[in-house]
Amino acid sequence: QVQLVESGGGLVQPGGSLRLSCAASGFTFSRYTMSWYRQAPGKERELVARVSISGGPLNYADSVKGRFTISRDNAKNTVYLQMNRLTPEDTAVYYCHAGVGSWGQGTQVTVSA
């Protein structure tokens, strides 16, 4: 059974940083691309970043380029999203997605003074 468990969300002030983690189980993690998506209230879910099976970044949303970094540790079956210089527009529920077709439950990120 595929499981994706996100953690690391929370409330942060504008300009701050957060690091999200997604622990995966139930599939061969190292064989699939992994992605982070986000969904803000009233908006569609959007791709934030995607990482290849070897760890190289494949995609970043234009809005996060230069501020967010996606990475993975295949030994720990974990994918990360380092988020720097956060703005209120980054407020959303962030979801982990596995190339096998599964989603995590999401973690809330709120950027507010």
N, C-alpha and C. Protein backbone atom coordinates (compact mmCIF):
# COMPACT_ATOMS: atom_id res chain seq x y z
N GLN A 1 0.84 -1.19 0.00
CA GLN A 1 0.00 0.00 0.00
C GLN A 1 0.88 1.25 0.00
N VAL A 2 0.67 2.09 -1.01
CA VAL A 2 1.47 3.31 -1.12
C VAL A 2 1.05 4.31 -0.05
N GLN A 3 2.03 4.86 0.63
CA GLN A 3 1.77 5.92 1.60
C GLN A 3 2.76 7.06 1.39
N LEU A 4 2.24 8.26 1.42
CA LEU A 4 3.05 9.47 1.35
C LEU A 4 2.65 10.35 2.51
N VAL A 5 3.59 10.66 3.38
CA VAL A 5 3.28 11.43 4.58
C VAL A 5 4.11 12.70 4.57
N GLU A 6 3.41 13.83 4.41
CA GLU A 6 4.10 15.13 4.40
C GLU A 6 4.24 15.67 5.81
N SER A 7 5.27 16.47 6.01
CA SER A 7 5.47 17.16 7.28
C SER A 7 6.27 18.43 7.02
N GLY A 8 6.30 19.30 8.02
CA GLY A 8 7.12 20.50 7.93
C GLY A 8 6.36 21.78 7.65
N GLY A 9 5.07 21.69 7.40
CA GLY A 9 4.30 22.90 7.18
C GLY A 9 4.10 23.69 8.46
N GLY A 10 3.53 24.88 8.30
CA GLY A 10 3.27 25.70 9.48
C GLY A 10 3.08 27.15 9.10
N LEU A 11 3.14 27.99 10.12
CA LEU A 11 2.99 29.44 9.96
C LEU A 11 4.36 30.09 9.97
N VAL A 12 4.62 30.91 8.97
CA VAL A 12 5.91 31.58 8.88
C VAL A 12 5.69 33.02 8.41
N GLN A 13 6.55 33.89 8.82
CA GLN A 13 6.45 35.29 8.41
C GLN A 13 6.99 35.47 6.99
N PRO A 14 6.52 36.48 6.29
CA PRO A 14 7.07 36.76 4.96
C PRO A 14 8.59 36.91 5.02
N GLY A 15 9.25 36.32 4.03
CA GLY A 15 10.70 36.33 4.01
C GLY A 15 11.34 35.15 4.70
N GLY A 16 10.53 34.38 5.41
CA GLY A 16 11.05 33.23 6.14
C GLY A 16 11.21 32.00 5.27
N SER A 17 11.58 30.90 5.93
CA SER A 17 11.84 29.65 5.24
C SER A 17 11.15 28.49 5.94
N LEU A 18 10.84 27.48 5.15
CA LEU A 18 10.34 26.22 5.67
C LEU A 18 10.92 25.10 4.82
N ARG A 19 11.02 23.93 5.44
CA ARG A 19 11.44 22.75 4.70
C ARG A 19 10.38 21.67 4.85
N LEU A 20 9.78 21.30 3.75
CA LEU A 20 8.79 20.24 3.76
C LEU A 20 9.47 18.90 3.48
N SER A 21 8.93 17.86 4.10
CA SER A 21 9.41 16.51 3.86
C SER A 21 8.23 15.62 3.48
N CYS A 22 8.51 14.62 2.68
CA CYS A 22 7.49 13.64 2.31
C CYS A 22 8.14 12.26 2.41
N ALA A 23 7.69 11.49 3.38
CA ALA A 23 8.20 10.14 3.58
C ALA A 23 7.32 9.15 2.81
N ALA A 24 7.95 8.36 1.97
CA ALA A 24 7.21 7.44 1.10
C ALA A 24 7.43 5.99 1.51
N SER A 25 6.42 5.18 1.28
CA SER A 25 6.52 3.75 1.53
C SER A 25 5.53 3.01 0.64
N GLY A 26 5.76 1.71 0.50
CA GLY A 26 4.83 0.89 -0.25
C GLY A 26 5.11 0.76 -1.73
N PHE A 27 6.20 1.36 -2.19
CA PHE A 27 6.60 1.23 -3.59
C PHE A 27 8.10 1.46 -3.66
N THR A 28 8.67 1.15 -4.81
CA THR A 28 10.12 1.31 -4.99
C THR A 28 10.40 2.77 -5.30
N PHE A 29 10.65 3.51 -4.26
CA PHE A 29 10.78 4.97 -4.32
C PHE A 29 11.77 5.43 -5.39
N SER A 30 12.90 4.76 -5.47
CA SER A 30 13.98 5.22 -6.34
C SER A 30 13.65 5.07 -7.82
N ARG A 31 12.55 4.46 -8.16
CA ARG A 31 12.19 4.24 -9.56
C ARG A 31 11.19 5.25 -10.09
N TYR A 32 10.78 6.20 -9.26
CA TYR A 32 9.72 7.13 -9.67
C TYR A 32 10.11 8.57 -9.45
N THR A 33 9.69 9.42 -10.40
CA THR A 33 9.79 10.84 -10.15
C THR A 33 8.87 11.21 -8.99
N MET A 34 9.24 12.28 -8.32
CA MET A 34 8.45 12.77 -7.20
C MET A 34 8.19 14.26 -7.41
N SER A 35 7.06 14.71 -6.94
CA SER A 35 6.68 16.09 -7.17
C SER A 35 6.04 16.70 -5.92
N TRP A 36 6.08 18.01 -5.88
CA TRP A 36 5.30 18.78 -4.92
C TRP A 36 4.31 19.63 -5.70
N TYR A 37 3.06 19.61 -5.25
CA TYR A 37 2.01 20.46 -5.77
C TYR A 37 1.50 21.32 -4.61
N ARG A 38 0.75 22.33 -4.97
CA ARG A 38 0.09 23.14 -3.94
C ARG A 38 -1.28 23.59 -4.43
N GLN A 39 -2.15 23.84 -3.47
CA GLN A 39 -3.48 24.34 -3.79
C GLN A 39 -3.86 25.41 -2.79
N ALA A 40 -4.02 26.61 -3.31
CA ALA A 40 -4.45 27.73 -2.49
C ALA A 40 -5.98 27.79 -2.50
N PRO A 41 -6.58 28.42 -1.49
CA PRO A 41 -8.05 28.52 -1.44
C PRO A 41 -8.61 29.14 -2.71
N GLY A 42 -9.59 28.47 -3.30
CA GLY A 42 -10.24 28.99 -4.49
C GLY A 42 -9.46 28.83 -5.77
N LYS A 43 -8.32 28.15 -5.70
CA LYS A 43 -7.49 27.97 -6.90
C LYS A 43 -7.29 26.50 -7.19
N GLU A 44 -6.88 26.22 -8.43
CA GLU A 44 -6.60 24.85 -8.81
C GLU A 44 -5.25 24.40 -8.25
N ARG A 45 -5.14 23.09 -8.10
CA ARG A 45 -3.87 22.54 -7.68
C ARG A 45 -2.84 22.77 -8.79
N GLU A 46 -1.63 23.18 -8.39
CA GLU A 46 -0.60 23.47 -9.37
C GLU A 46 0.71 22.78 -9.01
N LEU A 47 1.47 22.44 -10.04
CA LEU A 47 2.77 21.84 -9.84
C LEU A 47 3.74 22.90 -9.32
N VAL A 48 4.44 22.56 -8.26
CA VAL A 48 5.46 23.45 -7.70
C VAL A 48 6.84 23.03 -8.20
N ALA A 49 7.14 21.74 -8.06
CA ALA A 49 8.47 21.25 -8.46
C ALA A 49 8.43 19.75 -8.65
N ARG A 50 9.31 19.26 -9.51
CA ARG A 50 9.40 17.81 -9.77
C ARG A 50 10.88 17.44 -9.80
N VAL A 51 11.17 16.26 -9.27
CA VAL A 51 12.56 15.80 -9.22
C VAL A 51 12.67 14.44 -9.90
N SER A 52 13.76 14.24 -10.62
CA SER A 52 13.98 12.99 -11.33
C SER A 52 14.35 11.87 -10.36
N ILE A 53 14.41 10.65 -10.88
CA ILE A 53 14.73 9.52 -10.01
C ILE A 53 16.16 9.62 -9.47
N SER A 54 17.03 10.32 -10.16
CA SER A 54 18.41 10.46 -9.71
C SER A 54 18.62 11.68 -8.83
N GLY A 55 17.60 12.52 -8.72
CA GLY A 55 17.70 13.68 -7.83
C GLY A 55 17.81 15.02 -8.53
N GLY A 56 17.95 15.03 -9.84
CA GLY A 56 18.02 16.29 -10.55
C GLY A 56 16.65 16.91 -10.70
N PRO A 57 16.55 18.22 -10.51
CA PRO A 57 15.25 18.87 -10.66
C PRO A 57 14.79 18.85 -12.11
N LEU A 58 13.50 18.60 -12.33
CA LEU A 58 12.95 18.55 -13.67
C LEU A 58 12.13 19.79 -14.00
N ASN A 59 11.37 20.25 -13.04
CA ASN A 59 10.49 21.39 -13.26
C ASN A 59 10.39 22.22 -12.00
N TYR A 60 10.27 23.51 -12.19
CA TYR A 60 9.87 24.43 -11.13
C TYR A 60 8.81 25.35 -11.71
N ALA A 61 7.81 25.64 -10.92
CA ALA A 61 6.87 26.69 -11.32
C ALA A 61 7.62 28.01 -11.41
N ASP A 62 7.26 28.83 -12.37
CA ASP A 62 7.94 30.12 -12.54
C ASP A 62 7.91 30.94 -11.26
N SER A 63 6.83 30.82 -10.52
CA SER A 63 6.64 31.64 -9.32
C SER A 63 7.58 31.26 -8.18
N VAL A 64 8.22 30.08 -8.26
CA VAL A 64 9.08 29.64 -7.16
C VAL A 64 10.54 29.51 -7.57
N LYS A 65 10.83 29.68 -8.85
CA LYS A 65 12.21 29.55 -9.32
C LYS A 65 13.13 30.51 -8.57
N GLY A 66 14.26 29.98 -8.12
CA GLY A 66 15.21 30.78 -7.38
C GLY A 66 14.94 30.88 -5.90
N ARG A 67 13.77 30.40 -5.47
CA ARG A 67 13.42 30.45 -4.04
C ARG A 67 13.22 29.06 -3.45
N PHE A 68 12.71 28.14 -4.23
CA PHE A 68 12.43 26.78 -3.74
C PHE A 68 13.42 25.81 -4.36
N THR A 69 13.75 24.76 -3.59
CA THR A 69 14.63 23.71 -4.08
C THR A 69 14.04 22.35 -3.72
N ILE A 70 13.87 21.51 -4.73
CA ILE A 70 13.39 20.16 -4.50
C ILE A 70 14.59 19.22 -4.49
N SER A 71 14.53 18.24 -3.60
CA SER A 71 15.61 17.24 -3.53
C SER A 71 15.02 15.93 -3.01
N ARG A 72 15.81 14.89 -3.10
CA ARG A 72 15.34 13.59 -2.61
C ARG A 72 16.51 12.81 -2.04
N ASP A 73 16.18 11.91 -1.13
CA ASP A 73 17.14 10.99 -0.56
C ASP A 73 16.58 9.59 -0.77
N ASN A 74 17.10 8.91 -1.77
CA ASN A 74 16.55 7.58 -2.09
C ASN A 74 16.84 6.55 -1.00
N ALA A 75 17.87 6.79 -0.20
CA ALA A 75 18.17 5.88 0.90
C ALA A 75 17.13 6.00 2.02
N LYS A 76 16.53 7.18 2.11
CA LYS A 76 15.53 7.42 3.16
C LYS A 76 14.10 7.43 2.62
N ASN A 77 13.95 7.21 1.31
CA ASN A 77 12.61 7.24 0.68
C ASN A 77 11.89 8.53 1.01
N THR A 78 12.60 9.63 0.88
CA THR A 78 12.06 10.92 1.27
C THR A 78 12.36 11.98 0.20
N VAL A 79 11.38 12.82 -0.05
CA VAL A 79 11.57 13.97 -0.93
C VAL A 79 11.35 15.23 -0.11
N TYR A 80 12.11 16.26 -0.44
CA TYR A 80 12.10 17.50 0.34
C TYR A 80 11.75 18.68 -0.56
N LEU A 81 11.24 19.72 0.08
CA LEU A 81 11.05 20.99 -0.61
C LEU A 81 11.54 22.09 0.33
N GLN A 82 12.68 22.65 0.01
CA GLN A 82 13.20 23.78 0.77
C GLN A 82 12.61 25.05 0.18
N MET A 83 11.94 25.82 1.02
CA MET A 83 11.25 27.02 0.57
C MET A 83 11.85 28.22 1.28
N ASN A 84 12.42 29.13 0.52
CA ASN A 84 13.04 30.33 1.06
C ASN A 84 12.32 31.56 0.54
N ARG A 85 12.53 32.68 1.24
CA ARG A 85 11.94 33.97 0.85
C ARG A 85 10.45 33.81 0.57
N LEU A 86 9.77 33.22 1.52
CA LEU A 86 8.34 32.96 1.35
C LEU A 86 7.54 34.26 1.35
N THR A 87 6.48 34.24 0.57
CA THR A 87 5.57 35.37 0.47
C THR A 87 4.15 34.90 0.78
N PRO A 88 3.24 35.81 1.07
CA PRO A 88 1.86 35.40 1.34
C PRO A 88 1.24 34.63 0.16
N GLU A 89 1.73 34.86 -1.05
CA GLU A 89 1.20 34.14 -2.21
C GLU A 89 1.60 32.67 -2.21
N ASP A 90 2.52 32.29 -1.35
CA ASP A 90 2.90 30.88 -1.22
C ASP A 90 1.98 30.12 -0.27
N THR A 91 1.07 30.82 0.37
CA THR A 91 0.14 30.17 1.28
C THR A 91 -0.74 29.17 0.53
N ALA A 92 -0.73 27.93 0.99
CA ALA A 92 -1.46 26.87 0.31
C ALA A 92 -1.30 25.57 1.09
N VAL A 93 -2.08 24.58 0.70
CA VAL A 93 -1.81 23.22 1.15
C VAL A 93 -0.85 22.60 0.14
N TYR A 94 0.23 22.05 0.63
CA TYR A 94 1.26 21.47 -0.22
C TYR A 94 1.13 19.95 -0.18
N TYR A 95 1.11 19.36 -1.38
CA TYR A 95 0.91 17.93 -1.52
C TYR A 95 2.13 17.28 -2.18
N CYS A 96 2.47 16.13 -1.69
CA CYS A 96 3.49 15.29 -2.29
C CYS A 96 2.81 14.34 -3.28
N HIS A 97 3.44 14.14 -4.41
CA HIS A 97 2.89 13.24 -5.43
C HIS A 97 3.99 12.32 -5.94
N ALA A 98 3.64 11.04 -6.01
CA ALA A 98 4.58 10.05 -6.52
C ALA A 98 4.24 9.69 -7.94
N GLY A 99 5.26 9.45 -8.74
CA GLY A 99 5.04 9.07 -10.13
C GLY A 99 4.23 7.80 -10.31
N VAL A 100 4.10 7.05 -9.23
CA VAL A 100 3.27 5.84 -9.27
C VAL A 100 1.79 6.20 -9.27
N GLY A 101 1.47 7.49 -8.99
CA GLY A 101 0.09 7.93 -9.08
C GLY A 101 -0.60 8.22 -7.77
N SER A 102 0.16 8.36 -6.70
CA SER A 102 -0.45 8.56 -5.38
C SER A 102 -0.15 9.94 -4.82
N TRP A 103 -1.06 10.37 -3.93
CA TRP A 103 -0.95 11.67 -3.30
C TRP A 103 -0.83 11.51 -1.79
N GLY A 104 -0.13 12.47 -1.18
CA GLY A 104 -0.14 12.56 0.26
C GLY A 104 -1.38 13.31 0.73
N GLN A 105 -1.50 13.47 2.05
CA GLN A 105 -2.68 14.10 2.61
C GLN A 105 -2.56 15.61 2.62
N GLY A 106 -1.37 16.13 2.41
CA GLY A 106 -1.15 17.57 2.36
C GLY A 106 -0.69 18.15 3.68
N THR A 107 0.04 19.24 3.58
CA THR A 107 0.48 19.98 4.77
C THR A 107 0.28 21.46 4.50
N GLN A 108 -0.29 22.14 5.49
CA GLN A 108 -0.64 23.55 5.32
C GLN A 108 0.59 24.43 5.53
N VAL A 109 0.79 25.34 4.60
CA VAL A 109 1.81 26.38 4.72
C VAL A 109 1.10 27.73 4.70
N THR A 110 1.30 28.50 5.74
CA THR A 110 0.68 29.82 5.84
C THR A 110 1.78 30.85 6.03
N VAL A 111 1.81 31.83 5.14
CA VAL A 111 2.81 32.89 5.20
C VAL A 111 2.07 34.18 5.55
N SER A 112 2.31 34.65 6.74
CA SER A 112 1.58 35.82 7.22
C SER A 112 2.37 36.52 8.31
N ALA A 113 2.22 37.83 8.34
CA ALA A 113 2.85 38.61 9.40
C ALA A 113 1.98 38.58 10.66
